[in-house]
N, C-alpha and C. Protein backbone atom coordinates (compact mmCIF):
# COMPACT_ATOMS: atom_id res chain seq x y z
N MET A 1 31.44 8.36 27.51
CA MET A 1 29.84 7.68 27.94
C MET A 1 30.27 6.29 28.20
N GLY A 2 29.32 5.93 29.09
CA GLY A 2 29.90 4.54 29.89
C GLY A 2 29.08 3.40 29.48
N THR A 3 28.99 2.13 30.04
CA THR A 3 28.71 0.96 29.83
C THR A 3 27.31 0.62 30.41
N SER A 4 26.44 0.41 30.37
CA SER A 4 25.17 0.60 31.12
C SER A 4 24.83 -1.23 31.26
N SER A 5 24.45 -1.40 32.36
CA SER A 5 24.14 -3.05 32.48
C SER A 5 22.27 -3.19 32.66
N SER A 6 22.03 -3.90 31.81
CA SER A 6 20.21 -3.95 32.11
C SER A 6 20.06 -5.09 33.27
N GLY A 7 18.87 -5.19 33.63
CA GLY A 7 18.94 -6.24 34.78
C GLY A 7 18.84 -7.69 34.05
N SER A 8 18.55 -7.93 32.70
CA SER A 8 19.47 -9.15 32.03
C SER A 8 21.03 -8.90 31.94
N GLY A 9 21.51 -8.60 32.28
CA GLY A 9 23.04 -8.61 32.13
C GLY A 9 23.35 -8.19 31.09
N ILE A 10 22.97 -7.90 30.37
CA ILE A 10 23.26 -7.20 28.85
C ILE A 10 23.75 -5.68 29.22
N GLN A 11 25.13 -5.69 28.36
CA GLN A 11 25.98 -4.45 28.72
C GLN A 11 25.93 -3.40 27.47
N MET A 12 25.65 -2.38 27.51
CA MET A 12 25.56 -1.71 26.28
C MET A 12 26.63 0.01 26.26
N ASN A 13 27.30 -0.04 25.78
CA ASN A 13 28.49 1.09 25.47
C ASN A 13 27.93 2.12 24.25
N VAL A 14 27.13 3.03 25.25
CA VAL A 14 26.41 4.29 24.36
C VAL A 14 27.13 5.08 23.59
N GLY A 15 28.65 4.92 23.50
CA GLY A 15 29.21 5.84 22.55
C GLY A 15 29.79 4.74 21.39
N GLU A 16 30.14 3.43 21.40
CA GLU A 16 29.53 2.36 20.57
C GLU A 16 28.24 2.21 19.89
N LEU A 17 27.23 2.70 20.71
CA LEU A 17 25.99 2.67 19.74
C LEU A 17 25.93 4.05 18.82
N THR A 18 26.43 4.88 19.70
CA THR A 18 26.02 6.42 18.82
C THR A 18 27.08 6.23 17.51
N THR A 19 28.45 5.36 17.44
CA THR A 19 29.01 5.09 16.29
C THR A 19 28.58 4.41 15.36
N VAL A 20 27.75 3.32 15.77
CA VAL A 20 27.21 2.07 14.83
C VAL A 20 26.06 2.65 14.62
N ALA A 21 25.14 3.93 15.30
CA ALA A 21 23.81 4.41 14.58
C ALA A 21 24.31 5.22 13.36
N SER A 22 25.39 5.97 13.16
CA SER A 22 25.64 6.96 12.83
C SER A 22 26.29 6.07 11.26
N ASN A 23 26.97 5.07 11.41
CA ASN A 23 27.42 4.58 10.24
C ASN A 23 26.61 3.50 9.66
N VAL A 24 25.29 3.34 10.35
CA VAL A 24 24.01 3.04 9.96
C VAL A 24 23.58 4.00 8.83
N ASP A 25 23.36 4.92 9.35
CA ASP A 25 22.72 6.43 8.87
C ASP A 25 23.28 6.75 7.69
N ASP A 26 24.68 6.62 7.47
CA ASP A 26 25.63 6.82 6.22
C ASP A 26 25.00 5.76 5.06
N LEU A 27 25.03 4.21 6.02
CA LEU A 27 24.60 3.27 5.03
C LEU A 27 23.32 3.76 4.35
N ALA A 28 22.43 4.35 4.86
CA ALA A 28 20.99 4.45 4.48
C ALA A 28 21.14 5.53 3.55
N ALA A 29 21.79 6.28 3.58
CA ALA A 29 22.03 7.51 3.03
C ALA A 29 22.82 7.56 1.67
N ALA A 30 23.57 6.38 1.57
CA ALA A 30 24.35 5.53 0.54
C ALA A 30 23.23 5.19 -0.68
N LEU A 31 22.32 4.09 -0.15
CA LEU A 31 21.50 3.44 -0.54
C LEU A 31 20.21 4.42 -0.91
N THR A 32 20.33 5.51 -0.38
CA THR A 32 19.38 6.42 -1.26
C THR A 32 19.82 6.63 -2.52
N THR A 33 21.35 7.11 -2.30
CA THR A 33 21.67 7.56 -3.46
C THR A 33 21.58 7.10 -4.78
N MET A 34 22.16 5.35 -4.23
CA MET A 34 22.15 4.18 -4.91
C MET A 34 20.45 4.09 -5.60
N GLN A 35 19.41 4.23 -4.71
CA GLN A 35 18.26 3.96 -5.38
C GLN A 35 18.25 4.90 -6.43
N GLN A 36 18.27 6.23 -6.33
CA GLN A 36 18.30 7.63 -7.25
C GLN A 36 18.96 7.32 -8.32
N TYR A 37 19.90 6.83 -8.64
CA TYR A 37 21.16 6.50 -9.64
C TYR A 37 20.46 5.26 -10.33
N VAL A 38 19.64 4.07 -9.46
CA VAL A 38 19.35 3.06 -10.57
C VAL A 38 18.09 3.56 -11.18
N SER A 39 17.08 4.36 -9.99
CA SER A 39 15.87 4.57 -10.61
C SER A 39 15.68 5.77 -12.01
N ALA A 40 16.86 6.15 -11.78
CA ALA A 40 17.50 7.26 -12.74
C ALA A 40 17.89 6.69 -14.39
N ASP A 41 18.12 5.50 -14.30
CA ASP A 41 18.65 4.70 -15.18
C ASP A 41 17.47 4.52 -16.28
N LYS A 42 17.68 5.15 -17.28
CA LYS A 42 16.29 5.17 -18.52
C LYS A 42 16.25 4.24 -19.80
N ILE A 43 17.30 3.57 -19.38
CA ILE A 43 17.58 2.85 -20.94
C ILE A 43 16.24 2.16 -21.17
N SER A 44 15.76 2.00 -22.40
CA SER A 44 14.42 1.17 -22.72
C SER A 44 14.93 0.25 -23.77
N ASP A 45 14.01 -0.59 -23.59
CA ASP A 45 14.05 -1.86 -24.51
C ASP A 45 14.46 -1.36 -26.40
N ALA A 46 13.93 -0.12 -26.60
CA ALA A 46 14.13 0.56 -27.89
C ALA A 46 16.03 0.15 -28.25
N GLN A 47 16.37 0.94 -26.96
CA GLN A 47 17.87 0.91 -26.92
C GLN A 47 18.68 0.10 -27.60
N PHE A 48 17.73 -1.48 -27.50
CA PHE A 48 18.68 -2.21 -27.55
C PHE A 48 18.35 -3.01 -29.19
N GLY A 49 18.05 -2.41 -29.96
CA GLY A 49 17.54 -2.91 -31.44
C GLY A 49 16.23 -3.59 -31.37
N GLN A 50 16.44 -4.20 -32.72
CA GLN A 50 15.07 -4.45 -33.21
C GLN A 50 15.07 -6.40 -33.20
N ILE A 51 16.27 -6.82 -33.10
CA ILE A 51 16.47 -7.95 -33.14
C ILE A 51 15.77 -9.10 -31.54
N ASP A 52 15.50 -9.80 -32.30
CA ASP A 52 14.27 -10.66 -31.61
C ASP A 52 15.05 -11.22 -29.56
N GLU A 53 16.08 -11.38 -29.87
CA GLU A 53 16.88 -11.71 -28.66
C GLU A 53 17.08 -10.38 -28.01
N ALA A 54 17.73 -9.58 -28.73
CA ALA A 54 18.13 -7.92 -28.56
C ALA A 54 16.92 -7.62 -27.41
N GLN A 55 15.56 -7.81 -27.96
CA GLN A 55 14.00 -7.38 -27.37
C GLN A 55 14.21 -8.33 -26.14
N ALA A 56 14.20 -9.40 -26.22
CA ALA A 56 13.85 -10.47 -25.07
C ALA A 56 15.17 -9.74 -23.70
N ALA A 57 16.27 -9.44 -24.52
CA ALA A 57 17.17 -9.13 -23.40
C ALA A 57 17.03 -7.59 -22.84
N ALA A 58 16.29 -7.25 -23.64
CA ALA A 58 16.13 -5.76 -23.34
C ALA A 58 15.01 -5.77 -22.04
N GLN A 59 13.97 -6.42 -22.28
CA GLN A 59 13.02 -6.91 -21.34
C GLN A 59 13.13 -7.33 -20.05
N VAL A 60 14.51 -8.28 -19.99
CA VAL A 60 15.15 -9.32 -19.13
C VAL A 60 15.99 -7.68 -18.20
N TYR A 61 16.73 -6.63 -19.25
CA TYR A 61 17.41 -5.66 -18.32
C TYR A 61 16.56 -4.77 -17.52
N VAL A 62 15.56 -3.96 -18.29
CA VAL A 62 14.71 -3.28 -17.69
C VAL A 62 13.63 -4.14 -16.65
N ALA A 63 13.47 -5.31 -16.54
CA ALA A 63 12.95 -5.48 -15.09
C ALA A 63 13.79 -5.80 -13.90
N ALA A 64 15.26 -5.99 -14.46
CA ALA A 64 16.15 -6.40 -13.53
C ALA A 64 16.20 -5.26 -12.73
N ILE A 65 16.56 -3.82 -13.49
CA ILE A 65 16.56 -2.54 -13.01
C ILE A 65 15.48 -2.17 -12.04
N GLN A 66 14.43 -2.54 -12.58
CA GLN A 66 13.24 -1.90 -11.61
C GLN A 66 12.92 -2.80 -10.18
N ALA A 67 13.72 -4.12 -10.68
CA ALA A 67 13.87 -4.90 -9.25
C ALA A 67 14.63 -4.75 -8.36
N LEU A 68 16.09 -3.89 -9.01
CA LEU A 68 16.93 -3.82 -7.85
C LEU A 68 16.76 -2.68 -7.30
N ALA A 69 15.91 -1.71 -8.35
CA ALA A 69 15.33 -0.42 -7.54
C ALA A 69 14.63 -0.92 -6.54
N THR A 70 13.69 -1.43 -6.22
CA THR A 70 12.84 -1.68 -5.56
C THR A 70 13.79 -2.51 -4.40
N SER A 71 14.49 -3.59 -4.21
CA SER A 71 15.24 -4.16 -3.39
C SER A 71 16.23 -3.10 -2.26
N VAL A 72 16.63 -2.27 -3.57
CA VAL A 72 17.85 -1.07 -2.85
C VAL A 72 16.57 -0.19 -1.89
N GLY A 73 15.57 0.18 -2.36
CA GLY A 73 14.45 0.69 -1.29
C GLY A 73 14.00 0.34 0.07
N LYS A 74 14.08 -0.89 -0.23
CA LYS A 74 13.82 -1.96 0.75
C LYS A 74 14.77 -1.70 1.84
N ALA A 75 16.16 -2.07 1.04
CA ALA A 75 17.31 -1.96 2.08
C ALA A 75 17.64 -0.65 2.70
N GLN A 76 17.10 0.47 1.86
CA GLN A 76 17.23 1.69 2.29
C GLN A 76 16.10 1.85 3.84
N ALA A 77 14.69 1.37 3.37
CA ALA A 77 14.20 1.26 4.99
C ALA A 77 14.57 0.89 5.60
N PHE A 78 14.94 -0.26 5.82
CA PHE A 78 15.32 -1.16 6.99
C PHE A 78 16.85 -0.55 7.84
N ALA A 79 17.78 0.17 6.78
CA ALA A 79 18.81 0.64 7.62
C ALA A 79 18.42 2.25 8.00
N ALA A 80 17.35 2.75 7.64
CA ALA A 80 16.75 3.62 8.58
C ALA A 80 16.02 3.31 9.73
N GLY A 81 15.35 2.54 9.58
CA GLY A 81 14.92 1.97 10.54
C GLY A 81 15.77 1.44 11.67
N ALA A 82 17.01 0.73 11.71
CA ALA A 82 17.67 0.36 11.73
C ALA A 82 18.63 1.52 13.03
N HIS A 83 18.67 2.28 12.10
CA HIS A 83 19.42 3.93 12.62
C HIS A 83 18.58 4.82 13.74
N ASN A 84 16.85 4.43 13.65
CA ASN A 84 16.23 5.44 14.60
C ASN A 84 16.19 4.37 15.66
N ALA A 85 16.17 2.81 15.75
CA ALA A 85 16.42 2.05 16.60
C ALA A 85 17.60 1.77 17.56
N LEU A 86 18.76 2.20 16.65
CA LEU A 86 19.79 2.21 17.88
C LEU A 86 19.71 3.51 18.34
N LEU A 87 19.65 4.68 17.73
CA LEU A 87 19.42 5.95 18.49
C LEU A 87 18.54 6.32 19.79
N GLN A 88 17.29 5.22 19.82
CA GLN A 88 16.46 5.04 20.61
C GLN A 88 17.10 4.60 21.90
N ALA A 89 17.90 2.86 21.30
CA ALA A 89 18.26 2.42 22.38
C ALA A 89 19.75 3.02 23.36
N SER A 90 20.25 3.95 22.26
CA SER A 90 21.22 4.96 22.89
C SER A 90 21.04 5.94 23.91
N LYS A 91 19.57 6.51 23.69
CA LYS A 91 18.77 7.27 24.53
C LYS A 91 18.41 6.96 25.68
N ALA A 92 17.79 5.73 25.75
CA ALA A 92 17.27 4.92 26.54
C ALA A 92 18.39 4.64 27.90
N THR A 93 19.36 3.81 27.21
CA THR A 93 20.33 3.67 27.76
C THR A 93 20.96 4.62 28.98
N THR A 94 21.15 6.11 27.98
CA THR A 94 21.77 7.49 28.65
C THR A 94 20.91 7.68 29.66
N THR A 95 19.26 7.43 29.56
CA THR A 95 18.32 8.17 30.41
C THR A 95 18.63 6.85 32.02
N THR A 96 18.52 5.78 31.44
CA THR A 96 18.84 4.61 32.99
C THR A 96 19.84 4.92 33.50
N ASP A 97 21.22 5.13 32.99
CA ASP A 97 22.14 5.72 33.29
C ASP A 97 22.25 6.92 34.30
N GLU A 98 21.61 7.98 34.13
CA GLU A 98 21.47 9.34 34.38
C GLU A 98 20.42 8.85 35.77
N GLU A 99 19.00 7.83 35.54
CA GLU A 99 18.36 7.73 36.70
C GLU A 99 19.32 6.78 37.50
N ALA A 100 20.06 6.28 37.09
CA ALA A 100 20.36 5.08 37.98
C ALA A 100 21.73 5.99 39.23
N SER A 101 22.58 6.78 38.36
CA SER A 101 23.08 8.01 38.78
C SER A 101 23.02 8.65 39.83
N ALA A 102 21.34 9.23 39.49
CA ALA A 102 20.85 9.94 40.59
C ALA A 102 19.99 9.35 41.77
N SER A 103 19.77 8.01 41.55
CA SER A 103 19.25 7.17 42.86
C SER A 103 20.58 7.05 43.57
N LEU A 104 21.52 6.56 43.27
CA LEU A 104 22.62 6.58 44.00
C LEU A 104 23.38 7.65 44.54
N PHE A 105 23.45 8.67 44.02
CA PHE A 105 23.50 10.06 44.61
C PHE A 105 23.09 10.42 45.51
N ASN A 106 21.04 10.17 45.63
CA ASN A 106 20.30 10.63 46.87
C ASN A 106 20.31 9.87 47.54
N ALA A 107 20.75 8.55 47.59
CA ALA A 107 21.11 7.20 48.61
C ALA A 107 21.92 7.57 49.49
N GLY A 108 22.95 7.93 48.80
CA GLY A 108 24.64 8.70 49.29
C GLY A 108 24.34 9.56 50.39
N GLN A 109 23.01 10.46 50.13
CA GLN A 109 22.77 11.91 50.37
C GLN A 109 21.85 11.50 51.63
N GLY A 110 21.08 10.29 51.89
CA GLY A 110 20.43 10.19 52.53
C GLY A 110 18.90 10.37 52.16
N ALA A 111 18.34 11.18 51.27
CA ALA A 111 17.34 11.46 50.66
C ALA A 111 16.42 10.03 50.64
């Protein structure tokens, strides 16, 4: 796969875009696994004991785990969106390259 130039001078290598898209998809999958793992953490504040300091620590721990799960979910959604955007850019670049190639071919044929 080659490199495409747009009117603004930006060059895109479709092969590299596809590779990056695949890597970002792997990241999104890893984040999904991480979110599932964090969300499955069922440690409750009762498991920290009955001492006041332990209860306070337990509440902080549970809140931190919930915040982590939320943050990982946001990161996963961002990575999934980036993956889709990279695939669309790759497809658009390929389409542009094919159209340009066909135009040049037709121009050379006198069409």
